[in-house]
Amino acid sequence: MDSVIRGVIVYLFLLLIFRFTGKRTLAEATSFDLVMLLIISETTQQAMIDSDHSMTNCFLLVITLLGMSLIFSKLKDKSKVLERWLEDVPTIVVENGRWLKDKMKQVRVDEDDILSVARGSKGITHAGDIKYAIVEKDGNITVIPKHADEYDSESKKGKPV
């Protein structure tokens, strides 16, 4: 039973830590982020297993962690408040070309992150051309140009209407 309690505590701790450390997606992870993930996994493994290195304990911990994930998934389906707290909501970080610094700080993105996505997805090089930039629940950034019809018409060139 000690392993189950340890597993639940580690799960809740990691949930809180990752919830409050920002919305970076795996695609945006740096090599340092991946090394940190390996260190965290080794550290939490030691905390959960203690001195019991048996296969039974391993299976029990895997079932506990996956069970916690399943429980929270079901709870999120029943409670929008819990879903919002666990998964967050999309956050507008640029509005009509104006940087919303407090929101950017909150979701831990900077101007370079947003402009990089704007250049890659819409060919936009200046914040003034952005109507909205939104950090989605999964950490991806969506950019909506001020003159969306211009960008849409360019992508439809040569296509019959």
N, C-alpha and C. Protein backbone atom coordinates (compact mmCIF):
# COMPACT_ATOMS: atom_id res chain seq x y z
N MET A 1 0.82 -1.19 0.00
CA MET A 1 0.00 0.00 0.00
C MET A 1 0.86 1.26 0.00
N ASP A 2 2.04 1.16 0.58
CA ASP A 2 2.96 2.29 0.63
C ASP A 2 3.31 2.75 -0.79
N SER A 3 3.49 1.81 -1.71
CA SER A 3 3.83 2.17 -3.09
C SER A 3 2.70 2.93 -3.77
N VAL A 4 1.47 2.54 -3.50
CA VAL A 4 0.33 3.24 -4.10
C VAL A 4 0.27 4.68 -3.59
N ILE A 5 0.46 4.86 -2.30
CA ILE A 5 0.44 6.22 -1.72
C ILE A 5 1.58 7.04 -2.31
N ARG A 6 2.75 6.46 -2.40
CA ARG A 6 3.89 7.17 -3.02
C ARG A 6 3.58 7.53 -4.46
N GLY A 7 2.99 6.59 -5.20
CA GLY A 7 2.65 6.83 -6.60
C GLY A 7 1.65 7.96 -6.75
N VAL A 8 0.63 7.98 -5.91
CA VAL A 8 -0.39 9.05 -5.96
C VAL A 8 0.25 10.40 -5.63
N ILE A 9 1.09 10.44 -4.62
CA ILE A 9 1.75 11.70 -4.23
C ILE A 9 2.65 12.20 -5.36
N VAL A 10 3.44 11.32 -5.96
CA VAL A 10 4.32 11.73 -7.06
C VAL A 10 3.50 12.20 -8.25
N TYR A 11 2.42 11.51 -8.56
CA TYR A 11 1.56 11.90 -9.67
C TYR A 11 1.01 13.32 -9.45
N LEU A 12 0.46 13.55 -8.27
CA LEU A 12 -0.11 14.87 -7.98
C LEU A 12 0.96 15.96 -7.98
N PHE A 13 2.13 15.65 -7.45
CA PHE A 13 3.23 16.61 -7.45
C PHE A 13 3.64 16.97 -8.88
N LEU A 14 3.82 15.96 -9.73
CA LEU A 14 4.21 16.22 -11.11
C LEU A 14 3.13 16.98 -11.87
N LEU A 15 1.87 16.65 -11.60
CA LEU A 15 0.76 17.36 -12.22
C LEU A 15 0.82 18.84 -11.88
N LEU A 16 1.03 19.16 -10.62
CA LEU A 16 1.12 20.56 -10.20
C LEU A 16 2.33 21.26 -10.82
N ILE A 17 3.46 20.60 -10.77
CA ILE A 17 4.69 21.21 -11.30
C ILE A 17 4.56 21.50 -12.79
N PHE A 18 4.10 20.51 -13.57
CA PHE A 18 4.00 20.70 -15.00
C PHE A 18 2.87 21.67 -15.37
N ARG A 19 1.87 21.74 -14.55
CA ARG A 19 0.77 22.68 -14.80
C ARG A 19 1.23 24.12 -14.64
N PHE A 20 2.10 24.36 -13.68
CA PHE A 20 2.53 25.73 -13.39
C PHE A 20 3.82 26.14 -14.09
N THR A 21 4.46 25.23 -14.80
CA THR A 21 5.71 25.60 -15.45
C THR A 21 5.54 26.01 -16.90
N GLY A 22 4.33 26.08 -17.39
CA GLY A 22 4.12 26.60 -18.73
C GLY A 22 3.60 25.57 -19.70
N LYS A 23 3.40 26.05 -20.93
CA LYS A 23 2.74 25.25 -21.96
C LYS A 23 3.69 24.87 -23.09
N ARG A 24 4.88 24.55 -22.81
CA ARG A 24 5.80 24.20 -23.88
C ARG A 24 5.47 22.80 -24.40
N THR A 25 5.38 22.66 -25.71
CA THR A 25 5.08 21.36 -26.30
C THR A 25 6.38 20.59 -26.51
N LEU A 26 6.26 19.30 -26.74
CA LEU A 26 7.43 18.46 -26.95
C LEU A 26 8.21 18.91 -28.18
N ALA A 27 7.51 19.39 -29.20
CA ALA A 27 8.17 19.86 -30.41
C ALA A 27 9.06 21.07 -30.14
N GLU A 28 8.74 21.83 -29.10
CA GLU A 28 9.52 23.02 -28.77
C GLU A 28 10.56 22.76 -27.70
N ALA A 29 10.64 21.52 -27.22
CA ALA A 29 11.57 21.20 -26.14
C ALA A 29 13.02 21.28 -26.63
N THR A 30 13.85 21.85 -25.81
CA THR A 30 15.27 21.93 -26.12
C THR A 30 15.95 20.66 -25.61
N SER A 31 17.20 20.48 -25.96
CA SER A 31 17.92 19.30 -25.46
C SER A 31 18.03 19.36 -23.94
N PHE A 32 18.16 20.55 -23.40
CA PHE A 32 18.21 20.69 -21.94
C PHE A 32 16.89 20.26 -21.31
N ASP A 33 15.75 20.62 -21.94
CA ASP A 33 14.44 20.19 -21.44
C ASP A 33 14.35 18.67 -21.38
N LEU A 34 14.86 18.01 -22.41
CA LEU A 34 14.81 16.55 -22.45
C LEU A 34 15.71 15.93 -21.38
N VAL A 35 16.88 16.52 -21.16
CA VAL A 35 17.76 16.04 -20.09
C VAL A 35 17.08 16.22 -18.74
N MET A 36 16.43 17.36 -18.54
CA MET A 36 15.70 17.59 -17.29
C MET A 36 14.59 16.56 -17.10
N LEU A 37 13.91 16.20 -18.18
CA LEU A 37 12.86 15.20 -18.12
C LEU A 37 13.43 13.85 -17.68
N LEU A 38 14.59 13.50 -18.19
CA LEU A 38 15.24 12.24 -17.79
C LEU A 38 15.64 12.28 -16.31
N ILE A 39 16.15 13.40 -15.87
CA ILE A 39 16.54 13.53 -14.45
C ILE A 39 15.30 13.44 -13.56
N ILE A 40 14.23 14.11 -13.98
CA ILE A 40 12.99 14.05 -13.20
C ILE A 40 12.46 12.63 -13.13
N SER A 41 12.50 11.92 -14.26
CA SER A 41 12.00 10.54 -14.25
C SER A 41 12.82 9.65 -13.33
N GLU A 42 14.13 9.81 -13.34
CA GLU A 42 14.98 9.01 -12.45
C GLU A 42 14.74 9.35 -10.99
N THR A 43 14.58 10.63 -10.70
CA THR A 43 14.35 11.07 -9.33
C THR A 43 13.01 10.57 -8.81
N THR A 44 11.97 10.70 -9.62
CA THR A 44 10.66 10.24 -9.17
C THR A 44 10.61 8.72 -9.06
N GLN A 45 11.33 8.04 -9.91
CA GLN A 45 11.39 6.58 -9.82
C GLN A 45 11.97 6.17 -8.47
N GLN A 46 13.03 6.83 -8.06
CA GLN A 46 13.64 6.53 -6.76
C GLN A 46 12.67 6.83 -5.61
N ALA A 47 11.94 7.93 -5.73
CA ALA A 47 11.01 8.31 -4.67
C ALA A 47 9.84 7.33 -4.56
N MET A 48 9.39 6.80 -5.69
CA MET A 48 8.25 5.89 -5.66
C MET A 48 8.65 4.48 -5.21
N ILE A 49 9.79 4.01 -5.67
CA ILE A 49 10.17 2.62 -5.42
C ILE A 49 10.76 2.42 -4.04
N ASP A 50 11.43 3.42 -3.51
CA ASP A 50 12.09 3.32 -2.20
C ASP A 50 13.08 2.16 -2.27
N SER A 51 12.93 1.17 -1.44
CA SER A 51 13.88 0.04 -1.45
C SER A 51 13.26 -1.21 -2.08
N ASP A 52 12.02 -1.13 -2.56
CA ASP A 52 11.33 -2.28 -3.15
C ASP A 52 11.50 -2.25 -4.67
N HIS A 53 12.43 -3.04 -5.19
CA HIS A 53 12.71 -3.09 -6.62
C HIS A 53 12.06 -4.29 -7.30
N SER A 54 11.01 -4.82 -6.71
CA SER A 54 10.37 -6.02 -7.26
C SER A 54 9.52 -5.68 -8.47
N MET A 55 9.26 -6.69 -9.29
CA MET A 55 8.40 -6.52 -10.46
C MET A 55 6.97 -6.18 -10.01
N THR A 56 6.54 -6.78 -8.92
CA THR A 56 5.20 -6.51 -8.41
C THR A 56 5.04 -5.04 -8.08
N ASN A 57 6.03 -4.46 -7.41
CA ASN A 57 5.98 -3.04 -7.08
C ASN A 57 5.97 -2.19 -8.34
N CYS A 58 6.75 -2.57 -9.32
CA CYS A 58 6.79 -1.85 -10.60
C CYS A 58 5.40 -1.86 -11.24
N PHE A 59 4.79 -3.02 -11.33
CA PHE A 59 3.47 -3.13 -11.94
C PHE A 59 2.43 -2.32 -11.16
N LEU A 60 2.53 -2.38 -9.85
CA LEU A 60 1.61 -1.65 -8.98
C LEU A 60 1.72 -0.14 -9.21
N LEU A 61 2.95 0.35 -9.35
CA LEU A 61 3.15 1.78 -9.59
C LEU A 61 2.65 2.20 -10.97
N VAL A 62 2.88 1.37 -11.98
CA VAL A 62 2.39 1.70 -13.32
C VAL A 62 0.86 1.76 -13.31
N ILE A 63 0.23 0.80 -12.67
CA ILE A 63 -1.23 0.79 -12.57
C ILE A 63 -1.73 2.01 -11.80
N THR A 64 -1.02 2.38 -10.73
CA THR A 64 -1.41 3.55 -9.93
C THR A 64 -1.33 4.83 -10.76
N LEU A 65 -0.22 5.03 -11.47
CA LEU A 65 -0.05 6.25 -12.27
C LEU A 65 -1.06 6.33 -13.41
N LEU A 66 -1.27 5.21 -14.10
CA LEU A 66 -2.25 5.21 -15.18
C LEU A 66 -3.67 5.36 -14.63
N GLY A 67 -3.91 4.77 -13.47
CA GLY A 67 -5.21 4.91 -12.81
C GLY A 67 -5.48 6.36 -12.44
N MET A 68 -4.49 7.05 -11.92
CA MET A 68 -4.64 8.47 -11.58
C MET A 68 -4.96 9.27 -12.84
N SER A 69 -4.28 8.96 -13.92
CA SER A 69 -4.52 9.65 -15.18
C SER A 69 -5.96 9.42 -15.65
N LEU A 70 -6.42 8.19 -15.54
CA LEU A 70 -7.79 7.86 -15.94
C LEU A 70 -8.81 8.56 -15.04
N ILE A 71 -8.57 8.57 -13.75
CA ILE A 71 -9.48 9.23 -12.80
C ILE A 71 -9.59 10.72 -13.12
N PHE A 72 -8.46 11.38 -13.34
CA PHE A 72 -8.51 12.82 -13.65
C PHE A 72 -9.18 13.07 -15.00
N SER A 73 -8.98 12.18 -15.94
CA SER A 73 -9.64 12.31 -17.24
C SER A 73 -11.16 12.26 -17.07
N LYS A 74 -11.64 11.34 -16.28
CA LYS A 74 -13.09 11.22 -16.03
C LYS A 74 -13.61 12.43 -15.25
N LEU A 75 -12.84 12.89 -14.26
CA LEU A 75 -13.25 14.06 -13.48
C LEU A 75 -13.33 15.31 -14.36
N LYS A 76 -12.38 15.46 -15.31
CA LYS A 76 -12.40 16.61 -16.21
C LYS A 76 -13.64 16.59 -17.09
N ASP A 77 -14.09 15.40 -17.47
CA ASP A 77 -15.31 15.30 -18.28
C ASP A 77 -16.54 15.78 -17.52
N LYS A 78 -16.53 15.62 -16.20
CA LYS A 78 -17.68 15.97 -15.38
C LYS A 78 -17.62 17.40 -14.85
N SER A 79 -16.44 18.01 -14.80
CA SER A 79 -16.30 19.33 -14.21
C SER A 79 -15.49 20.25 -15.11
N LYS A 80 -16.15 21.28 -15.63
CA LYS A 80 -15.47 22.26 -16.47
C LYS A 80 -14.45 23.08 -15.67
N VAL A 81 -14.75 23.32 -14.39
CA VAL A 81 -13.82 24.06 -13.53
C VAL A 81 -12.52 23.26 -13.38
N LEU A 82 -12.64 21.97 -13.11
CA LEU A 82 -11.46 21.12 -12.97
C LEU A 82 -10.72 21.01 -14.30
N GLU A 83 -11.46 20.91 -15.39
CA GLU A 83 -10.82 20.84 -16.71
C GLU A 83 -10.02 22.10 -16.98
N ARG A 84 -10.61 23.24 -16.66
CA ARG A 84 -9.91 24.52 -16.89
C ARG A 84 -8.66 24.62 -16.03
N TRP A 85 -8.74 24.15 -14.79
CA TRP A 85 -7.60 24.22 -13.89
C TRP A 85 -6.50 23.28 -14.34
N LEU A 86 -6.87 22.08 -14.78
CA LEU A 86 -5.87 21.09 -15.17
C LEU A 86 -5.28 21.35 -16.55
N GLU A 87 -6.10 21.81 -17.48
CA GLU A 87 -5.65 21.93 -18.86
C GLU A 87 -5.49 23.37 -19.33
N ASP A 88 -5.98 24.29 -18.56
CA ASP A 88 -5.91 25.71 -18.90
C ASP A 88 -6.84 26.03 -20.06
N VAL A 89 -6.78 27.25 -20.52
CA VAL A 89 -7.61 27.72 -21.63
C VAL A 89 -6.69 28.44 -22.62
N PRO A 90 -7.13 28.58 -23.86
CA PRO A 90 -6.32 29.36 -24.80
C PRO A 90 -6.13 30.79 -24.28
N THR A 91 -4.94 31.35 -24.51
CA THR A 91 -4.60 32.67 -24.00
C THR A 91 -4.19 33.59 -25.15
N ILE A 92 -4.87 34.71 -25.28
CA ILE A 92 -4.51 35.69 -26.31
C ILE A 92 -3.28 36.45 -25.83
N VAL A 93 -2.22 36.46 -26.64
CA VAL A 93 -0.97 37.13 -26.26
C VAL A 93 -0.64 38.33 -27.16
N VAL A 94 -1.30 38.42 -28.31
CA VAL A 94 -1.19 39.60 -29.17
C VAL A 94 -2.60 39.94 -29.62
N GLU A 95 -2.96 41.21 -29.49
CA GLU A 95 -4.28 41.65 -29.92
C GLU A 95 -4.13 42.92 -30.73
N ASN A 96 -4.54 42.86 -32.00
CA ASN A 96 -4.43 43.99 -32.92
C ASN A 96 -3.02 44.58 -32.95
N GLY A 97 -2.04 43.71 -33.04
CA GLY A 97 -0.65 44.14 -33.15
C GLY A 97 0.00 44.57 -31.85
N ARG A 98 -0.73 44.50 -30.75
CA ARG A 98 -0.21 44.94 -29.46
C ARG A 98 0.17 43.73 -28.60
N TRP A 99 1.41 43.73 -28.14
CA TRP A 99 1.89 42.65 -27.27
C TRP A 99 1.20 42.74 -25.91
N LEU A 100 0.65 41.66 -25.44
CA LEU A 100 0.03 41.61 -24.10
C LEU A 100 1.05 40.96 -23.16
N LYS A 101 1.97 41.79 -22.68
CA LYS A 101 3.13 41.32 -21.92
C LYS A 101 2.77 40.49 -20.69
N ASP A 102 1.74 40.90 -19.95
CA ASP A 102 1.35 40.16 -18.76
C ASP A 102 0.88 38.75 -19.12
N LYS A 103 0.13 38.62 -20.20
CA LYS A 103 -0.34 37.31 -20.66
C LYS A 103 0.83 36.48 -21.20
N MET A 104 1.76 37.14 -21.88
CA MET A 104 2.94 36.44 -22.41
C MET A 104 3.77 35.88 -21.27
N LYS A 105 3.94 36.67 -20.24
CA LYS A 105 4.70 36.22 -19.07
C LYS A 105 4.00 35.05 -18.39
N GLN A 106 2.69 35.13 -18.33
CA GLN A 106 1.89 34.10 -17.68
C GLN A 106 2.05 32.74 -18.37
N VAL A 107 2.09 32.72 -19.70
CA VAL A 107 2.21 31.46 -20.43
C VAL A 107 3.65 31.18 -20.88
N ARG A 108 4.56 32.05 -20.49
CA ARG A 108 5.99 31.88 -20.73
C ARG A 108 6.37 31.78 -22.22
N VAL A 109 5.90 32.76 -22.99
CA VAL A 109 6.34 32.91 -24.37
C VAL A 109 6.86 34.33 -24.54
N ASP A 110 7.71 34.51 -25.52
CA ASP A 110 8.22 35.86 -25.77
C ASP A 110 7.92 36.26 -27.21
N GLU A 111 8.30 37.48 -27.56
CA GLU A 111 8.01 38.01 -28.89
C GLU A 111 8.63 37.16 -29.98
N ASP A 112 9.84 36.67 -29.75
CA ASP A 112 10.51 35.83 -30.75
C ASP A 112 9.74 34.55 -31.03
N ASP A 113 9.18 33.93 -29.97
CA ASP A 113 8.38 32.71 -30.15
C ASP A 113 7.19 32.98 -31.07
N ILE A 114 6.51 34.07 -30.80
CA ILE A 114 5.30 34.41 -31.56
C ILE A 114 5.64 34.78 -33.00
N LEU A 115 6.65 35.62 -33.17
CA LEU A 115 7.03 36.02 -34.52
C LEU A 115 7.57 34.84 -35.34
N SER A 116 8.21 33.91 -34.69
CA SER A 116 8.70 32.72 -35.38
C SER A 116 7.53 31.92 -35.97
N VAL A 117 6.49 31.73 -35.18
CA VAL A 117 5.30 31.03 -35.66
C VAL A 117 4.61 31.85 -36.75
N ALA A 118 4.53 33.17 -36.56
CA ALA A 118 3.88 34.05 -37.53
C ALA A 118 4.60 33.98 -38.88
N ARG A 119 5.92 33.99 -38.86
CA ARG A 119 6.69 33.90 -40.11
C ARG A 119 6.48 32.54 -40.76
N GLY A 120 6.54 31.48 -39.95
CA GLY A 120 6.44 30.13 -40.49
C GLY A 120 5.05 29.78 -41.02
N SER A 121 4.02 30.25 -40.37
CA SER A 121 2.67 29.85 -40.78
C SER A 121 1.98 30.84 -41.70
N LYS A 122 2.28 32.13 -41.55
CA LYS A 122 1.56 33.16 -42.32
C LYS A 122 2.47 34.11 -43.09
N GLY A 123 3.76 34.00 -42.94
CA GLY A 123 4.67 34.91 -43.62
C GLY A 123 4.68 36.30 -43.01
N ILE A 124 4.23 36.44 -41.79
CA ILE A 124 4.14 37.74 -41.12
C ILE A 124 5.46 38.02 -40.41
N THR A 125 6.00 39.23 -40.58
CA THR A 125 7.27 39.57 -39.96
C THR A 125 7.16 40.64 -38.89
N HIS A 126 6.00 41.28 -38.79
CA HIS A 126 5.81 42.37 -37.82
C HIS A 126 4.55 42.12 -36.98
N ALA A 127 4.64 42.44 -35.72
CA ALA A 127 3.49 42.28 -34.82
C ALA A 127 2.30 43.10 -35.29
N GLY A 128 2.57 44.22 -35.96
CA GLY A 128 1.49 45.07 -36.44
C GLY A 128 0.56 44.40 -37.44
N ASP A 129 1.02 43.31 -38.06
CA ASP A 129 0.21 42.57 -39.02
C ASP A 129 -0.59 41.44 -38.38
N ILE A 130 -0.46 41.31 -37.06
CA ILE A 130 -1.15 40.22 -36.36
C ILE A 130 -2.42 40.77 -35.71
N LYS A 131 -3.56 40.16 -36.03
CA LYS A 131 -4.81 40.52 -35.36
C LYS A 131 -4.84 39.86 -33.99
N TYR A 132 -4.60 38.54 -33.97
CA TYR A 132 -4.52 37.80 -32.71
C TYR A 132 -3.42 36.75 -32.80
N ALA A 133 -2.73 36.57 -31.69
CA ALA A 133 -1.84 35.41 -31.51
C ALA A 133 -2.33 34.76 -30.23
N ILE A 134 -2.57 33.46 -30.31
CA ILE A 134 -3.18 32.74 -29.21
C ILE A 134 -2.32 31.54 -28.85
N VAL A 135 -1.99 31.41 -27.56
CA VAL A 135 -1.32 30.21 -27.08
C VAL A 135 -2.42 29.24 -26.71
N GLU A 136 -2.48 28.13 -27.45
CA GLU A 136 -3.54 27.15 -27.27
C GLU A 136 -3.31 26.32 -26.01
N LYS A 137 -4.30 25.51 -25.65
CA LYS A 137 -4.21 24.66 -24.45
C LYS A 137 -3.01 23.73 -24.51
N ASP A 138 -2.65 23.28 -25.71
CA ASP A 138 -1.54 22.33 -25.84
C ASP A 138 -0.19 23.01 -25.97
N GLY A 139 -0.14 24.35 -25.92
CA GLY A 139 1.11 25.09 -25.99
C GLY A 139 1.45 25.59 -27.38
N ASN A 140 0.74 25.14 -28.41
CA ASN A 140 0.97 25.64 -29.76
C ASN A 140 0.45 27.07 -29.86
N ILE A 141 1.05 27.82 -30.79
CA ILE A 141 0.65 29.22 -30.99
C ILE A 141 -0.09 29.33 -32.32
N THR A 142 -1.28 29.93 -32.28
CA THR A 142 -2.06 30.19 -33.48
C THR A 142 -1.98 31.68 -33.77
N VAL A 143 -1.70 32.01 -35.04
CA VAL A 143 -1.61 33.41 -35.45
C VAL A 143 -2.71 33.70 -36.46
N ILE A 144 -3.47 34.76 -36.18
CA ILE A 144 -4.52 35.21 -37.09
C ILE A 144 -4.10 36.58 -37.61
N PRO A 145 -3.86 36.69 -38.91
CA PRO A 145 -3.41 37.98 -39.47
C PRO A 145 -4.52 39.03 -39.44
N LYS A 146 -4.12 40.30 -39.42
CA LYS A 146 -5.09 41.40 -39.44
C LYS A 146 -5.93 41.36 -40.70
N HIS A 147 -5.30 41.06 -41.79
CA HIS A 147 -5.99 41.04 -43.07
C HIS A 147 -6.07 39.59 -43.54
N ALA A 148 -6.86 38.81 -42.85
CA ALA A 148 -6.96 37.37 -43.14
C ALA A 148 -7.40 37.10 -44.57
N ASP A 149 -8.23 37.98 -45.12
CA ASP A 149 -8.70 37.77 -46.48
C ASP A 149 -7.55 37.83 -47.48
N GLU A 150 -6.53 38.67 -47.23
CA GLU A 150 -5.37 38.73 -48.11
C GLU A 150 -4.62 37.41 -48.09
N TYR A 151 -4.44 36.86 -46.89
CA TYR A 151 -3.69 35.61 -46.75
C TYR A 151 -4.49 34.45 -47.31
N ASP A 152 -5.81 34.49 -47.13
CA ASP A 152 -6.66 33.43 -47.67
C ASP A 152 -6.69 33.48 -49.18
N SER A 153 -6.76 34.69 -49.77
CA SER A 153 -6.83 34.80 -51.22
C SER A 153 -5.54 34.34 -51.87
N GLU A 154 -4.39 34.58 -51.20
CA GLU A 154 -3.12 34.10 -51.73
C GLU A 154 -3.07 32.59 -51.75
N SER A 155 -3.61 31.96 -50.71
CA SER A 155 -3.57 30.51 -50.66
C SER A 155 -4.57 29.89 -51.64
N LYS A 156 -5.54 30.69 -52.15
CA LYS A 156 -6.55 30.17 -53.06
C LYS A 156 -6.24 30.51 -54.52
N LYS A 157 -5.11 31.19 -54.78
CA LYS A 157 -4.77 31.57 -56.15
C LYS A 157 -4.74 30.33 -57.04
N GLY A 158 -5.37 30.45 -58.16
CA GLY A 158 -5.37 29.36 -59.12
C GLY A 158 -6.45 28.32 -58.83
N LYS A 159 -7.19 28.50 -57.74
CA LYS A 159 -8.25 27.55 -57.41
C LYS A 159 -9.58 28.17 -57.80
N PRO A 160 -10.44 27.40 -58.48
CA PRO A 160 -11.75 27.95 -58.82
C PRO A 160 -12.59 28.19 -57.59
N VAL A 161 -13.39 29.26 -57.64
CA VAL A 161 -14.23 29.61 -56.49
C VAL A 161 -15.61 29.03 -56.67
